[in-house]
Amino acid sequence: MNQKKNKLGRAILYLARRAVRLRTAKRKMLSRRKLTQMKTTTSLLVLVLAIGLTHPAWAESAVLTPATSFFADYNQHDIQGASTLFVEEPSITDAFPPFHWEGKGSFRKWMADLDNFNTANKYTDYDFKPGKPLSQDVEGERANVVIPVVLDLKHDGKPDRFDGLVNVVLEKNNNSWKIIAFTWTTK
């Protein structure tokens, strides 16, 4: 974030200097061609900065991909695809009994328990919508991401909504990030 602020600060300083040069050039009556080049360069720089600031950096983060892909896969009922985003022995905490799964086969057990919970409580039609991360910390081969998530679903056939948070701990594994711990909680 500090690098982005530094780049932005340098870009603003550069634009301010260009504006001063532009005014000076006008006063000195430089050739029209040189003045046009300076205006074009300044306009292009402003455009590039504007595009860079409207596209959030978090949207492309490799660390976020497993978490957002998990929700996309679950929404599409691709549990097999979702399972590939986790290490072989993850730690999982969720808001339904037995609340915690850990070790070999824990992802499969979690999904089976979730199916049983949904059937017993008449929850269907899950639709997860992850939001902009609240935090994203990377230290070497480990990362921690906290993401707000809106869960729309049906409870006994009626629309329901839960606002939740997911805390995902990841580990870099062969140049890709894998989920080693996943915690869901509702707000």
Protein backbone atom coordinates (compact mmCIF):
# COMPACT_ATOMS: atom_id res chain seq x y z
CA MET A 1 0.00 0.00 0.00
CA ASN A 2 2.86 2.37 0.84
CA GLN A 3 4.43 1.69 -2.56
CA LYS A 4 1.15 2.60 -4.26
CA LYS A 5 0.96 5.82 -2.20
CA ASN A 6 4.59 6.63 -3.08
CA LYS A 7 3.94 6.04 -6.78
CA LEU A 8 0.81 8.16 -6.60
CA GLY A 9 2.71 10.91 -4.77
CA ARG A 10 5.48 10.86 -7.36
CA ALA A 11 2.94 10.94 -10.18
CA ILE A 12 1.15 13.94 -8.67
CA LEU A 13 4.48 15.71 -8.17
CA TYR A 14 5.40 14.94 -11.78
CA LEU A 15 2.04 16.33 -13.00
CA ALA A 16 2.53 19.49 -10.95
CA ARG A 17 5.99 20.00 -12.45
CA ARG A 18 4.59 19.41 -15.94
CA ALA A 19 1.88 22.00 -15.32
CA VAL A 20 4.51 24.55 -14.24
CA ARG A 21 6.56 23.77 -17.35
CA LEU A 22 3.45 24.17 -19.48
CA ARG A 23 2.75 27.62 -18.08
CA THR A 24 6.41 28.57 -18.46
CA ALA A 25 6.37 27.32 -22.04
CA LYS A 26 3.35 29.43 -22.82
CA ARG A 27 5.09 32.46 -21.41
CA LYS A 28 8.23 31.83 -23.39
CA MET A 29 6.15 31.28 -26.52
CA LEU A 30 7.60 27.90 -27.38
CA SER A 31 6.60 26.38 -30.62
CA ARG A 32 3.01 25.19 -30.88
CA ARG A 33 4.24 21.66 -31.61
CA LYS A 34 6.24 21.42 -28.36
CA LEU A 35 3.27 22.78 -26.37
CA THR A 36 0.93 20.23 -27.96
CA GLN A 37 3.35 17.40 -27.11
CA MET A 38 3.47 18.49 -23.49
CA LYS A 39 -0.33 18.68 -23.25
CA THR A 40 -0.68 15.24 -24.84
CA THR A 41 1.89 13.68 -22.51
CA THR A 42 0.21 15.20 -19.46
CA SER A 43 -3.25 14.06 -20.62
CA LEU A 44 -2.01 10.51 -21.22
CA LEU A 45 -0.37 10.37 -17.82
CA VAL A 46 -3.58 11.52 -16.12
CA LEU A 47 -5.54 8.88 -18.06
CA VAL A 48 -3.12 6.10 -17.08
CA LEU A 49 -3.32 7.15 -13.43
CA ALA A 50 -7.11 7.26 -13.53
CA ILE A 51 -7.32 3.76 -15.00
CA GLY A 52 -4.87 2.44 -12.43
CA LEU A 53 -6.82 3.92 -9.53
CA THR A 54 -10.24 2.65 -10.66
CA HIS A 55 -9.10 -0.98 -10.96
CA PRO A 56 -8.52 -2.26 -7.41
CA ALA A 57 -5.26 -4.10 -6.88
CA TRP A 58 -6.98 -6.66 -4.62
CA ALA A 59 -9.04 -7.95 -7.55
CA GLU A 60 -5.94 -9.55 -9.12
CA SER A 61 -4.17 -10.86 -6.05
CA ALA A 62 -2.96 -14.46 -6.40
CA VAL A 63 -3.49 -14.86 -2.64
CA LEU A 64 -7.21 -14.11 -3.03
CA THR A 65 -7.77 -16.54 -5.89
CA PRO A 66 -8.25 -19.70 -3.78
CA ALA A 67 -10.77 -18.02 -1.45
CA THR A 68 -12.86 -16.42 -4.19
CA SER A 69 -12.59 -19.56 -6.34
CA PHE A 70 -13.85 -21.68 -3.44
CA PHE A 71 -17.08 -19.65 -3.28
CA ALA A 72 -17.47 -19.67 -7.06
CA ASP A 73 -16.97 -23.46 -7.14
CA TYR A 74 -19.43 -23.99 -4.29
CA ASN A 75 -22.01 -21.78 -5.99
CA GLN A 76 -21.65 -23.99 -9.09
CA HIS A 77 -21.88 -27.21 -7.01
CA ASP A 78 -18.30 -28.09 -8.00
CA ILE A 79 -17.18 -29.55 -4.69
CA GLN A 80 -14.40 -31.53 -6.37
CA GLY A 81 -13.00 -28.29 -7.85
CA ALA A 82 -13.33 -26.55 -4.48
CA SER A 83 -11.44 -29.36 -2.75
CA THR A 84 -8.37 -28.79 -4.96
CA LEU A 85 -7.95 -25.32 -3.43
CA PHE A 86 -7.17 -26.83 -0.01
CA VAL A 87 -4.10 -28.66 1.27
CA GLU A 88 -4.55 -32.37 2.04
CA GLU A 89 -5.00 -31.78 5.79
CA PRO A 90 -6.66 -28.37 6.32
CA SER A 91 -8.14 -26.94 9.49
CA ILE A 92 -11.74 -25.78 9.01
CA THR A 93 -14.07 -23.93 11.38
CA ASP A 94 -17.69 -23.19 10.49
CA ALA A 95 -20.90 -22.03 12.17
CA PHE A 96 -22.64 -25.42 12.38
CA PRO A 97 -21.94 -28.60 14.38
CA PRO A 98 -19.44 -30.08 14.97
CA PHE A 99 -17.89 -26.65 14.21
CA HIS A 100 -14.33 -27.83 13.55
CA TRP A 101 -12.70 -30.30 11.13
CA GLU A 102 -9.00 -30.97 10.97
CA GLY A 103 -6.59 -33.41 9.35
CA LYS A 104 -6.73 -35.85 6.49
CA GLY A 105 -10.16 -35.96 4.86
CA SER A 106 -11.40 -32.92 6.80
CA PHE A 107 -12.62 -31.11 3.67
CA ARG A 108 -14.73 -34.12 2.63
CA LYS A 109 -16.10 -34.54 6.19
CA TRP A 110 -16.93 -30.81 6.37
CA MET A 111 -18.87 -30.95 3.11
CA ALA A 112 -20.73 -34.12 4.23
CA ASP A 113 -21.65 -32.50 7.56
CA LEU A 114 -22.77 -29.35 5.75
CA ASP A 115 -25.03 -31.43 3.48
CA ASN A 116 -26.53 -33.16 6.54
CA PHE A 117 -27.01 -29.83 8.34
CA ASN A 118 -28.66 -28.29 5.28
CA THR A 119 -31.02 -31.24 4.84
CA ALA A 120 -31.99 -31.28 8.53
CA ASN A 121 -32.57 -27.51 8.61
CA LYS A 122 -34.03 -27.12 5.09
CA TYR A 123 -31.31 -24.79 3.74
CA THR A 124 -30.95 -24.77 -0.06
CA ASP A 125 -29.77 -22.63 -2.99
CA TYR A 126 -26.58 -21.22 -1.51
CA ASP A 127 -25.16 -18.17 -3.31
CA PHE A 128 -21.96 -16.73 -1.83
CA LYS A 129 -20.88 -13.22 -2.82
CA PRO A 130 -17.37 -12.34 -1.57
CA GLY A 131 -16.62 -8.65 -1.08
CA LYS A 132 -13.47 -6.57 -1.00
CA PRO A 133 -10.94 -8.00 1.47
CA LEU A 134 -10.73 -6.30 4.84
CA SER A 135 -7.14 -7.42 5.22
CA GLN A 136 -4.55 -9.25 3.19
CA ASP A 137 -1.20 -10.02 4.75
CA VAL A 138 1.59 -11.98 3.08
CA GLU A 139 4.76 -13.06 4.89
CA GLY A 140 6.96 -15.21 2.69
CA GLU A 141 5.20 -18.52 1.97
CA ARG A 142 2.19 -17.78 4.23
CA ALA A 143 -0.74 -15.41 3.84
CA ASN A 144 -3.85 -14.43 5.78
CA VAL A 145 -6.92 -12.91 4.15
CA VAL A 146 -10.16 -11.69 5.76
CA ILE A 147 -13.08 -11.28 3.36
CA PRO A 148 -16.67 -10.17 4.02
CA VAL A 149 -19.13 -12.53 2.34
CA VAL A 150 -22.86 -12.22 1.75
CA LEU A 151 -24.65 -15.57 1.69
CA ASP A 152 -28.07 -15.63 0.04
CA LEU A 153 -29.95 -18.91 0.38
CA LYS A 154 -33.37 -20.36 1.00
CA HIS A 155 -34.52 -21.58 4.41
CA ASP A 156 -37.55 -23.80 4.20
CA GLY A 157 -38.20 -22.36 0.72
CA LYS A 158 -38.07 -18.71 1.84
CA PRO A 159 -35.22 -16.32 0.95
CA ASP A 160 -32.73 -15.71 3.73
CA ARG A 161 -29.45 -13.84 3.99
CA PHE A 162 -26.40 -14.06 6.22
CA ASP A 163 -23.59 -11.53 6.37
CA GLY A 164 -20.41 -13.34 7.21
CA LEU A 165 -16.67 -13.10 7.39
CA VAL A 166 -14.20 -15.68 6.20
CA ASN A 167 -10.64 -15.81 7.47
CA VAL A 168 -8.43 -17.82 5.13
CA VAL A 169 -4.84 -18.81 5.89
CA LEU A 170 -2.86 -19.90 2.84
CA GLU A 171 0.47 -21.49 2.10
CA LYS A 172 2.43 -21.21 -1.13
CA ASN A 173 2.71 -24.66 -2.66
CA ASN A 174 4.54 -25.13 -6.01
CA ASN A 175 3.95 -21.51 -7.07
CA SER A 176 0.25 -21.58 -6.17
CA TRP A 177 -1.55 -20.71 -2.97
CA LYS A 178 -3.46 -23.43 -1.09
CA ILE A 179 -5.87 -22.98 1.82
CA ILE A 180 -4.51 -24.46 5.05
CA ALA A 181 -7.11 -22.95 7.40
CA PHE A 182 -10.62 -21.70 6.69
CA THR A 183 -12.87 -20.03 9.26
CA TRP A 184 -16.42 -18.85 8.58
CA THR A 185 -18.43 -16.76 11.00
CA THR A 186 -21.63 -14.77 10.65
CA LYS A 187 -21.76 -11.16 11.72
